[in-house]
């Protein structure tokens, strides 16, 4: 890959992985808009390593407590709020894992057209705006019940379709269930950890099964840039939400959908 491709796509991945605007949709569209070749599997692995590193580092204290409490619960200890949150993250990952396995690459092969991405970008953007406007915003992530977790998990499975946005659809579900904005975002970010691990692990397996020359310099740069941009994104986004809400992202999604239709029709 050309160095400018690495820089642009790594930053795009880092920023859009956690914003409610669809990282997969942007990684499909940016190369098409720019006339660039597909970035390849090795690049996808690298940027997943970067974004995973960012979310693990940002939530390192919470994750340490969640892991301690979860292990204690396995040994028969009480389910405190950290243990319940850890179980919620694990259970919430099950639907997307099942759908990913059952689709066996079908979604990736057949649901990447620009018009579909335009439709999902706009449609799920409007739903995000409605959930933000009418949600009760009265609960935090520690109040989630099993039913709530399963509903958010099922919503997350929809994000396998490009343009939906994993973070966007899980935040939408959280807001619709009465979580406040920061809680919906935090749970979405925590829920991303096993998903990124699963996606990155599958891509790594596929990469090992199809060996070829590895551009280590490009990949290390992609890891660093995606990690830095993702970490900065998480920090700023959580602050931004409290004062501005989701409407700027809804507007962005609608404008992006209109641009896609204009360019590709």
C-alpha atoms as a PDB file:
ATOM      1  CA  UNK A   1       0.000   0.000   0.000  1.00  0.00           C
ATOM      2  CA  UNK A   2       1.038   3.549  -0.612  1.00  0.00           C
ATOM      3  CA  UNK A   3       1.959   5.354   2.616  1.00  0.00           C
ATOM      4  CA  UNK A   4      -0.846   7.894   2.224  1.00  0.00           C
ATOM      5  CA  UNK A   5      -3.356   5.033   1.953  1.00  0.00           C
ATOM      6  CA  UNK A   6      -2.040   3.548   5.195  1.00  0.00           C
ATOM      7  CA  UNK A   7      -2.235   6.870   7.046  1.00  0.00           C
ATOM      8  CA  UNK A   8      -5.725   7.814   5.854  1.00  0.00           C
ATOM      9  CA  UNK A   9      -7.330   4.401   6.286  1.00  0.00           C
ATOM     10  CA  UNK A  10      -5.745   3.744   9.700  1.00  0.00           C
ATOM     11  CA  UNK A  11      -7.011   7.076  11.039  1.00  0.00           C
ATOM     12  CA  UNK A  12     -10.430   6.505   9.480  1.00  0.00           C
ATOM     13  CA  UNK A  13     -10.638   3.102  11.176  1.00  0.00           C
ATOM     14  CA  UNK A  14      -9.502   4.476  14.519  1.00  0.00           C
ATOM     15  CA  UNK A  15     -12.035   7.294  14.490  1.00  0.00           C
ATOM     16  CA  UNK A  16     -15.019   5.453  13.078  1.00  0.00           C
ATOM     17  CA  UNK A  17     -14.665   2.230  15.109  1.00  0.00           C
ATOM     18  CA  UNK A  18     -16.184   3.942  18.140  1.00  0.00           C
ATOM     19  CA  UNK A  19     -18.238   6.752  16.623  1.00  0.00           C
ATOM     20  CA  UNK A  20     -21.835   5.858  15.652  1.00  0.00           C
ATOM     21  CA  UNK A  21     -21.136   6.282  11.928  1.00  0.00           C
ATOM     22  CA  UNK A  22     -19.920   2.817  10.761  1.00  0.00           C
ATOM     23  CA  UNK A  23     -16.248   1.942  10.402  1.00  0.00           C
ATOM     24  CA  UNK A  24     -16.930  -0.878   7.930  1.00  0.00           C
ATOM     25  CA  UNK A  25     -18.958   1.437   5.730  1.00  0.00           C
ATOM     26  CA  UNK A  26     -16.190   4.033   5.679  1.00  0.00           C
ATOM     27  CA  UNK A  27     -13.508   1.447   4.916  1.00  0.00           C
ATOM     28  CA  UNK A  28     -15.600   0.245   1.973  1.00  0.00           C
ATOM     29  CA  UNK A  29     -16.392   3.736   0.720  1.00  0.00           C
ATOM     30  CA  UNK A  30     -13.114   5.646   1.164  1.00  0.00           C
ATOM     31  CA  UNK A  31     -11.117   3.431  -1.238  1.00  0.00           C
ATOM     32  CA  UNK A  32     -13.999   3.570  -3.746  1.00  0.00           C
ATOM     33  CA  UNK A  33     -14.217   7.350  -3.553  1.00  0.00           C
ATOM     34  CA  UNK A  34     -10.441   7.687  -3.920  1.00  0.00           C
ATOM     35  CA  UNK A  35      -9.983   4.958  -6.536  1.00  0.00           C
ATOM     36  CA  UNK A  36      -7.626   3.011  -4.247  1.00  0.00           C
ATOM     37  CA  UNK A  37      -7.190  -0.788  -4.285  1.00  0.00           C
ATOM     38  CA  UNK A  38      -8.577  -2.903  -1.454  1.00  0.00           C
ATOM     39  CA  UNK A  39      -6.410  -2.509   1.648  1.00  0.00           C
ATOM     40  CA  UNK A  40      -6.077  -6.254   2.173  1.00  0.00           C
ATOM     41  CA  UNK A  41      -6.466  -8.643   5.080  1.00  0.00           C
ATOM     42  CA  UNK A  42      -3.151  -7.858   6.781  1.00  0.00           C
ATOM     43  CA  UNK A  43      -4.142  -4.197   7.058  1.00  0.00           C
ATOM     44  CA  UNK A  44      -7.511  -5.129   8.582  1.00  0.00           C
ATOM     45  CA  UNK A  45      -5.723  -7.213  11.224  1.00  0.00           C
ATOM     46  CA  UNK A  46      -3.354  -4.349  12.009  1.00  0.00           C
ATOM     47  CA  UNK A  47      -6.061  -1.727  12.529  1.00  0.00           C
ATOM     48  CA  UNK A  48      -8.071  -4.122  14.688  1.00  0.00           C
ATOM     49  CA  UNK A  49      -4.992  -4.566  16.890  1.00  0.00           C
ATOM     50  CA  UNK A  50      -4.736  -0.789  17.111  1.00  0.00           C
ATOM     51  CA  UNK A  51      -8.363  -0.124  18.058  1.00  0.00           C
ATOM     52  CA  UNK A  52      -8.370  -3.017  20.537  1.00  0.00           C
ATOM     53  CA  UNK A  53      -5.254  -1.601  22.200  1.00  0.00           C
ATOM     54  CA  UNK A  54      -6.952   1.782  22.529  1.00  0.00           C
ATOM     55  CA  UNK A  55     -10.129   0.543  24.206  1.00  0.00           C
ATOM     56  CA  UNK A  56      -8.204  -1.810  26.516  1.00  0.00           C
ATOM     57  CA  UNK A  57      -5.936   1.030  27.628  1.00  0.00           C
ATOM     58  CA  UNK A  58      -8.762   3.525  28.107  1.00  0.00           C
ATOM     59  CA  UNK A  59     -10.861   1.147  30.227  1.00  0.00           C
ATOM     60  CA  UNK A  60      -7.904  -0.566  31.922  1.00  0.00           C
ATOM     61  CA  UNK A  61      -9.046   0.205  35.479  1.00  0.00           C
ATOM     62  CA  UNK A  62     -12.651  -0.856  34.874  1.00  0.00           C
ATOM     63  CA  UNK A  63     -11.542  -3.989  33.040  1.00  0.00           C
ATOM     64  CA  UNK A  64      -9.210  -4.955  35.878  1.00  0.00           C
ATOM     65  CA  UNK A  65     -12.073  -4.771  38.376  1.00  0.00           C
ATOM     66  CA  UNK A  66     -14.473  -6.550  36.030  1.00  0.00           C
ATOM     67  CA  UNK A  67     -12.005  -9.399  35.471  1.00  0.00           C
ATOM     68  CA  UNK A  68     -11.351  -9.753  39.204  1.00  0.00           C
ATOM     69  CA  UNK A  69     -15.060  -9.818  40.000  1.00  0.00           C
ATOM     70  CA  UNK A  70     -15.851 -12.191  37.117  1.00  0.00           C
ATOM     71  CA  UNK A  71     -13.204 -14.702  38.212  1.00  0.00           C
ATOM     72  CA  UNK A  72     -14.507 -14.448  41.766  1.00  0.00           C
ATOM     73  CA  UNK A  73     -18.044 -15.175  40.514  1.00  0.00           C
ATOM     74  CA  UNK A  74     -16.783 -18.304  38.728  1.00  0.00           C
ATOM     75  CA  UNK A  75     -15.400 -19.518  42.044  1.00  0.00           C
ATOM     76  CA  UNK A  76     -18.811 -19.108  43.676  1.00  0.00           C
ATOM     77  CA  UNK A  77     -18.428 -15.551  44.908  1.00  0.00           C
ATOM     78  CA  UNK A  78     -21.209 -12.987  44.978  1.00  0.00           C
ATOM     79  CA  UNK A  79     -22.262 -11.258  41.757  1.00  0.00           C
ATOM     80  CA  UNK A  80     -21.368  -7.632  42.444  1.00  0.00           C
ATOM     81  CA  UNK A  81     -21.923  -4.904  39.861  1.00  0.00           C
ATOM     82  CA  UNK A  82     -18.523  -5.446  38.211  1.00  0.00           C
ATOM     83  CA  UNK A  83     -19.151  -9.184  37.821  1.00  0.00           C
ATOM     84  CA  UNK A  84     -22.618  -8.537  36.381  1.00  0.00           C
ATOM     85  CA  UNK A  85     -21.162  -6.063  33.905  1.00  0.00           C
ATOM     86  CA  UNK A  86     -18.496  -8.572  32.836  1.00  0.00           C
ATOM     87  CA  UNK A  87     -21.154 -11.238  32.289  1.00  0.00           C
ATOM     88  CA  UNK A  88     -23.261  -8.703  30.378  1.00  0.00           C
ATOM     89  CA  UNK A  89     -20.387  -8.036  27.966  1.00  0.00           C
ATOM     90  CA  UNK A  90     -19.843 -11.750  27.385  1.00  0.00           C
ATOM     91  CA  UNK A  91     -23.538 -12.595  26.970  1.00  0.00           C
ATOM     92  CA  UNK A  92     -24.107  -9.564  24.737  1.00  0.00           C
ATOM     93  CA  UNK A  93     -21.455 -10.880  22.348  1.00  0.00           C
ATOM     94  CA  UNK A  94     -23.187 -14.231  21.743  1.00  0.00           C
ATOM     95  CA  UNK A  95     -25.719 -13.071  19.096  1.00  0.00           C
ATOM     96  CA  UNK A  96     -23.163 -11.422  16.817  1.00  0.00           C
ATOM     97  CA  UNK A  97     -20.874 -14.427  17.169  1.00  0.00           C
ATOM     98  CA  UNK A  98     -23.649 -16.822  16.159  1.00  0.00           C
ATOM     99  CA  UNK A  99     -24.805 -14.714  13.223  1.00  0.00           C
ATOM    100  CA  UNK A 100     -21.223 -14.267  12.061  1.00  0.00           C
ATOM    101  CA  UNK A 101     -20.631 -18.007  12.102  1.00  0.00           C
ATOM    102  CA  UNK A 102     -23.930 -18.850  10.397  1.00  0.00           C
ATOM    103  CA  UNK A 103     -23.497 -16.262   7.649  1.00  0.00           C
ATOM    104  CA  UNK A 104     -20.063 -17.776   6.863  1.00  0.00           C
ATOM    105  CA  UNK A 105     -18.920 -14.772   4.832  1.00  0.00           C
ATOM    106  CA  UNK A 106     -22.210 -14.364   2.927  1.00  0.00           C
ATOM    107  CA  UNK A 107     -22.810 -10.880   4.329  1.00  0.00           C
ATOM    108  CA  UNK A 108     -19.276  -9.812   3.454  1.00  0.00           C
ATOM    109  CA  UNK A 109     -19.686 -11.013  -0.120  1.00  0.00           C
ATOM    110  CA  UNK A 110     -23.220  -9.844  -0.898  1.00  0.00           C
ATOM    111  CA  UNK A 111     -24.041  -6.837   1.298  1.00  0.00           C
ATOM    112  CA  UNK A 112     -21.346  -4.310   0.449  1.00  0.00           C
ATOM    113  CA  UNK A 113     -23.028  -2.289  -2.309  1.00  0.00           C
ATOM    114  CA  UNK A 114     -22.923   1.518  -1.986  1.00  0.00           C
ATOM    115  CA  UNK A 115     -26.717   1.783  -2.191  1.00  0.00           C
ATOM    116  CA  UNK A 116     -27.201  -0.626   0.684  1.00  0.00           C
ATOM    117  CA  UNK A 117     -24.622   1.280   2.721  1.00  0.00           C
ATOM    118  CA  UNK A 118     -26.488   4.522   1.927  1.00  0.00           C
ATOM    119  CA  UNK A 119     -29.768   2.984   3.110  1.00  0.00           C
ATOM    120  CA  UNK A 120     -28.368   1.570   6.354  1.00  0.00           C
ATOM    121  CA  UNK A 121     -26.382   4.732   7.053  1.00  0.00           C
ATOM    122  CA  UNK A 122     -29.470   6.933   6.757  1.00  0.00           C
ATOM    123  CA  UNK A 123     -32.042   4.543   8.226  1.00  0.00           C
ATOM    124  CA  UNK A 124     -30.147   3.568  11.339  1.00  0.00           C
ATOM    125  CA  UNK A 125     -29.041   7.181  11.737  1.00  0.00           C
ATOM    126  CA  UNK A 126     -32.670   8.289  12.006  1.00  0.00           C
ATOM    127  CA  UNK A 127     -33.370   5.513  14.525  1.00  0.00           C
ATOM    128  CA  UNK A 128     -30.358   6.655  16.572  1.00  0.00           C
ATOM    129  CA  UNK A 129     -31.755  10.187  16.624  1.00  0.00           C
ATOM    130  CA  UNK A 130     -35.174   8.973  17.786  1.00  0.00           C
ATOM    131  CA  UNK A 131     -33.672   6.852  20.565  1.00  0.00           C
ATOM    132  CA  UNK A 132     -31.575   9.802  21.719  1.00  0.00           C
ATOM    133  CA  UNK A 133     -34.552  12.156  21.635  1.00  0.00           C
ATOM    134  CA  UNK A 134     -37.137   9.956  23.328  1.00  0.00           C
ATOM    135  CA  UNK A 135     -35.052   7.627  25.513  1.00  0.00           C
ATOM    136  CA  UNK A 136     -35.493   8.038  29.263  1.00  0.00           C
ATOM    137  CA  UNK A 137     -31.727   8.474  29.879  1.00  0.00           C
ATOM    138  CA  UNK A 138     -32.239   7.478  33.518  1.00  0.00           C
ATOM    139  CA  UNK A 139     -30.024   4.376  33.978  1.00  0.00           C
ATOM    140  CA  UNK A 140     -26.370   3.432  33.929  1.00  0.00           C
ATOM    141  CA  UNK A 141     -24.750   0.318  32.480  1.00  0.00           C
ATOM    142  CA  UNK A 142     -24.717  -1.459  35.867  1.00  0.00           C
ATOM    143  CA  UNK A 143     -28.521  -1.553  35.846  1.00  0.00           C
ATOM    144  CA  UNK A 144     -28.747  -3.735  32.729  1.00  0.00           C
ATOM    145  CA  UNK A 145     -30.863  -6.869  33.102  1.00  0.00           C
ATOM    146  CA  UNK A 146     -30.447 -10.072  31.108  1.00  0.00           C
ATOM    147  CA  UNK A 147     -33.275  -9.087  28.751  1.00  0.00           C
ATOM    148  CA  UNK A 148     -31.622  -5.713  28.124  1.00  0.00           C
ATOM    149  CA  UNK A 149     -28.268  -7.328  27.408  1.00  0.00           C
ATOM    150  CA  UNK A 150     -29.784  -9.798  24.944  1.00  0.00           C
ATOM    151  CA  UNK A 151     -31.638  -7.003  23.132  1.00  0.00           C
ATOM    152  CA  UNK A 152     -28.452  -4.963  22.785  1.00  0.00           C
ATOM    153  CA  UNK A 153     -26.617  -8.101  21.681  1.00  0.00           C
ATOM    154  CA  UNK A 154     -29.204  -8.840  18.981  1.00  0.00           C
ATOM    155  CA  UNK A 155     -28.971  -5.225  17.833  1.00  0.00           C
ATOM    156  CA  UNK A 156     -25.188  -5.581  17.620  1.00  0.00           C
ATOM    157  CA  UNK A 157     -25.585  -8.517  15.235  1.00  0.00           C
ATOM    158  CA  UNK A 158     -27.229  -6.132  12.743  1.00  0.00           C
ATOM    159  CA  UNK A 159     -23.904  -4.297  12.525  1.00  0.00           C
ATOM    160  CA  UNK A 160     -22.506  -7.101  10.390  1.00  0.00           C
ATOM    161  CA  UNK A 161     -24.279  -5.277   7.564  1.00  0.00           C
ATOM    162  CA  UNK A 162     -21.970  -2.429   6.422  1.00  0.00           C
ATOM    163  CA  UNK A 163     -23.314   1.041   7.132  1.00  0.00           C
ATOM    164  CA  UNK A 164     -25.224   0.001  10.248  1.00  0.00           C
ATOM    165  CA  UNK A 165     -22.400   0.874  12.705  1.00  0.00           C
ATOM    166  CA  UNK A 166     -21.694  -1.471  15.596  1.00  0.00           C
ATOM    167  CA  UNK A 167     -21.268   1.354  18.063  1.00  0.00           C
ATOM    168  CA  UNK A 168     -24.243   3.223  16.612  1.00  0.00           C
ATOM    169  CA  UNK A 169     -26.695   0.327  16.833  1.00  0.00           C
ATOM    170  CA  UNK A 170     -25.616  -0.715  20.334  1.00  0.00           C
ATOM    171  CA  UNK A 171     -25.847   2.875  21.580  1.00  0.00           C
ATOM    172  CA  UNK A 172     -29.275   3.140  19.930  1.00  0.00           C
ATOM    173  CA  UNK A 173     -30.456   0.015  21.737  1.00  0.00           C
ATOM    174  CA  UNK A 174     -28.998   1.229  25.030  1.00  0.00           C
ATOM    175  CA  UNK A 175     -30.693   4.620  24.726  1.00  0.00           C
ATOM    176  CA  UNK A 176     -34.004   2.982  23.771  1.00  0.00           C
ATOM    177  CA  UNK A 177     -33.747   0.844  26.922  1.00  0.00           C
ATOM    178  CA  UNK A 178     -33.344   3.948  29.090  1.00  0.00           C
ATOM    179  CA  UNK A 179     -29.568   4.209  29.514  1.00  0.00           C
ATOM    180  CA  UNK A 180     -28.130   7.685  29.686  1.00  0.00           C
ATOM    181  CA  UNK A 181     -25.837   8.739  26.847  1.00  0.00           C
ATOM    182  CA  UNK A 182     -22.550   8.117  28.644  1.00  0.00           C
ATOM    183  CA  UNK A 183     -23.700   4.705  29.904  1.00  0.00           C
ATOM    184  CA  UNK A 184     -24.887   3.652  26.432  1.00  0.00           C
ATOM    185  CA  UNK A 185     -21.518   4.687  25.000  1.00  0.00           C
ATOM    186  CA  UNK A 186     -19.461   3.022  27.734  1.00  0.00           C
ATOM    187  CA  UNK A 187     -21.313  -0.281  27.408  1.00  0.00           C
ATOM    188  CA  UNK A 188     -20.959  -0.106  23.621  1.00  0.00           C
ATOM    189  CA  UNK A 189     -17.206   0.391  23.978  1.00  0.00           C
ATOM    190  CA  UNK A 190     -16.856  -2.480  26.455  1.00  0.00           C
ATOM    191  CA  UNK A 191     -18.982  -4.674  24.187  1.00  0.00           C
ATOM    192  CA  UNK A 192     -16.584  -3.923  21.332  1.00  0.00           C
ATOM    193  CA  UNK A 193     -13.698  -5.725  23.052  1.00  0.00           C
ATOM    194  CA  UNK A 194     -14.745  -9.359  22.483  1.00  0.00           C
ATOM    195  CA  UNK A 195     -16.114  -8.457  19.037  1.00  0.00           C
ATOM    196  CA  UNK A 196     -12.803  -6.928  17.943  1.00  0.00           C
ATOM    197  CA  UNK A 197     -10.953  -9.922  19.429  1.00  0.00           C
ATOM    198  CA  UNK A 198     -13.180 -12.341  17.495  1.00  0.00           C
ATOM    199  CA  UNK A 199     -12.967 -10.396  14.239  1.00  0.00           C
ATOM    200  CA  UNK A 200      -9.220  -9.896  14.535  1.00  0.00           C
ATOM    201  CA  UNK A 201      -8.685 -13.544  15.446  1.00  0.00           C
ATOM    202  CA  UNK A 202     -10.654 -14.736  12.421  1.00  0.00           C
ATOM    203  CA  UNK A 203      -8.764 -12.377  10.118  1.00  0.00           C
ATOM    204  CA  UNK A 204      -5.451 -13.520  11.606  1.00  0.00           C
ATOM    205  CA  UNK A 205      -6.392 -17.162  10.996  1.00  0.00           C
ATOM    206  CA  UNK A 206      -7.292 -16.367   7.377  1.00  0.00           C
ATOM    207  CA  UNK A 207      -4.054 -14.426   6.971  1.00  0.00           C
ATOM    208  CA  UNK A 208      -1.954 -17.319   8.275  1.00  0.00           C
ATOM    209  CA  UNK A 209      -3.805 -19.716   5.978  1.00  0.00           C
ATOM    210  CA  UNK A 210      -2.935 -17.571   2.947  1.00  0.00           C
ATOM    211  CA  UNK A 211       0.689 -16.533   3.553  1.00  0.00           C
ATOM    212  CA  UNK A 212       2.421 -13.944   1.464  1.00  0.00           C
ATOM    213  CA  UNK A 213       4.843 -11.035   1.833  1.00  0.00           C
ATOM    214  CA  UNK A 214       4.090  -8.979   4.947  1.00  0.00           C
ATOM    215  CA  UNK A 215       4.783  -5.206   4.813  1.00  0.00           C
ATOM    216  CA  UNK A 216       5.701  -4.920   8.491  1.00  0.00           C
ATOM    217  CA  UNK A 217       6.521  -1.219   8.340  1.00  0.00           C
ATOM    218  CA  UNK A 218       3.114  -0.318   6.921  1.00  0.00           C
ATOM    219  CA  UNK A 219       1.340  -2.563   9.403  1.00  0.00           C
ATOM    220  CA  UNK A 220       3.140  -1.142  12.443  1.00  0.00           C
ATOM    221  CA  UNK A 221       2.284   2.363  11.273  1.00  0.00           C
ATOM    222  CA  UNK A 222      -1.361   1.299  10.841  1.00  0.00           C
ATOM    223  CA  UNK A 223      -1.433  -0.143  14.374  1.00  0.00           C
ATOM    224  CA  UNK A 224       0.026   3.032  15.880  1.00  0.00           C
ATOM    225  CA  UNK A 225      -2.227   5.445  13.989  1.00  0.00           C
ATOM    226  CA  UNK A 226      -5.430   3.482  14.530  1.00  0.00           C
ATOM    227  CA  UNK A 227      -4.624   3.089  18.242  1.00  0.00           C
ATOM    228  CA  UNK A 228      -3.860   6.788  18.748  1.00  0.00           C
ATOM    229  CA  UNK A 229      -6.880   8.020  16.807  1.00  0.00           C
ATOM    230  CA  UNK A 230      -9.205   5.508  18.517  1.00  0.00           C
ATOM    231  CA  UNK A 231      -8.003   6.466  21.997  1.00  0.00           C
ATOM    232  CA  UNK A 232      -8.429  10.163  21.257  1.00  0.00           C
ATOM    233  CA  UNK A 233     -11.855   9.466  19.799  1.00  0.00           C
ATOM    234  CA  UNK A 234     -13.074   7.643  22.921  1.00  0.00           C
ATOM    235  CA  UNK A 235     -11.896  10.427  25.231  1.00  0.00           C
ATOM    236  CA  UNK A 236     -13.416  13.256  23.208  1.00  0.00           C
ATOM    237  CA  UNK A 237     -16.609  11.427  22.289  1.00  0.00           C
ATOM    238  CA  UNK A 238     -17.631  10.761  25.906  1.00  0.00           C
ATOM    239  CA  UNK A 239     -17.177  14.453  26.712  1.00  0.00           C
ATOM    240  CA  UNK A 240     -18.928  15.576  23.541  1.00  0.00           C
ATOM    241  CA  UNK A 241     -22.022  13.447  24.198  1.00  0.00           C
ATOM    242  CA  UNK A 242     -22.992  15.180  27.413  1.00  0.00           C
ATOM    243  CA  UNK A 243     -23.385  18.589  25.803  1.00  0.00           C
ATOM    244  CA  UNK A 244     -24.260  17.790  22.178  1.00  0.00           C
ATOM    245  CA  UNK A 245     -25.989  14.406  22.156  1.00  0.00           C
ATOM    246  CA  UNK A 246     -26.281  12.241  19.062  1.00  0.00           C
ATOM    247  CA  UNK A 247     -27.810  14.722  16.639  1.00  0.00           C
ATOM    248  CA  UNK A 248     -24.514  15.808  14.991  1.00  0.00           C
ATOM    249  CA  UNK A 249     -23.848  12.166  14.098  1.00  0.00           C
ATOM    250  CA  UNK A 250     -27.392  11.707  12.792  1.00  0.00           C
ATOM    251  CA  UNK A 251     -26.921  14.714  10.510  1.00  0.00           C
ATOM    252  CA  UNK A 252     -23.529  13.416   9.379  1.00  0.00           C
ATOM    253  CA  UNK A 253     -25.036  10.036   8.513  1.00  0.00           C
ATOM    254  CA  UNK A 254     -27.827  11.612   6.484  1.00  0.00           C
ATOM    255  CA  UNK A 255     -25.370  13.819   4.588  1.00  0.00           C
ATOM    256  CA  UNK A 256     -23.060  10.871   3.956  1.00  0.00           C
ATOM    257  CA  UNK A 257     -25.961   8.778   2.663  1.00  0.00           C
ATOM    258  CA  UNK A 258     -26.957  11.589   0.294  1.00  0.00           C
ATOM    259  CA  UNK A 259     -23.356  11.866  -0.944  1.00  0.00           C
ATOM    260  CA  UNK A 260     -23.184   8.119  -1.582  1.00  0.00           C
ATOM    261  CA  UNK A 261     -26.379   8.232  -3.637  1.00  0.00           C
ATOM    262  CA  UNK A 262     -25.131  11.273  -5.575  1.00  0.00           C
ATOM    263  CA  UNK A 263     -21.774   9.683  -6.397  1.00  0.00           C
ATOM    264  CA  UNK A 264     -22.886   6.153  -7.186  1.00  0.00           C
ATOM    265  CA  UNK A 265     -26.275   6.589  -8.856  1.00  0.00           C
END
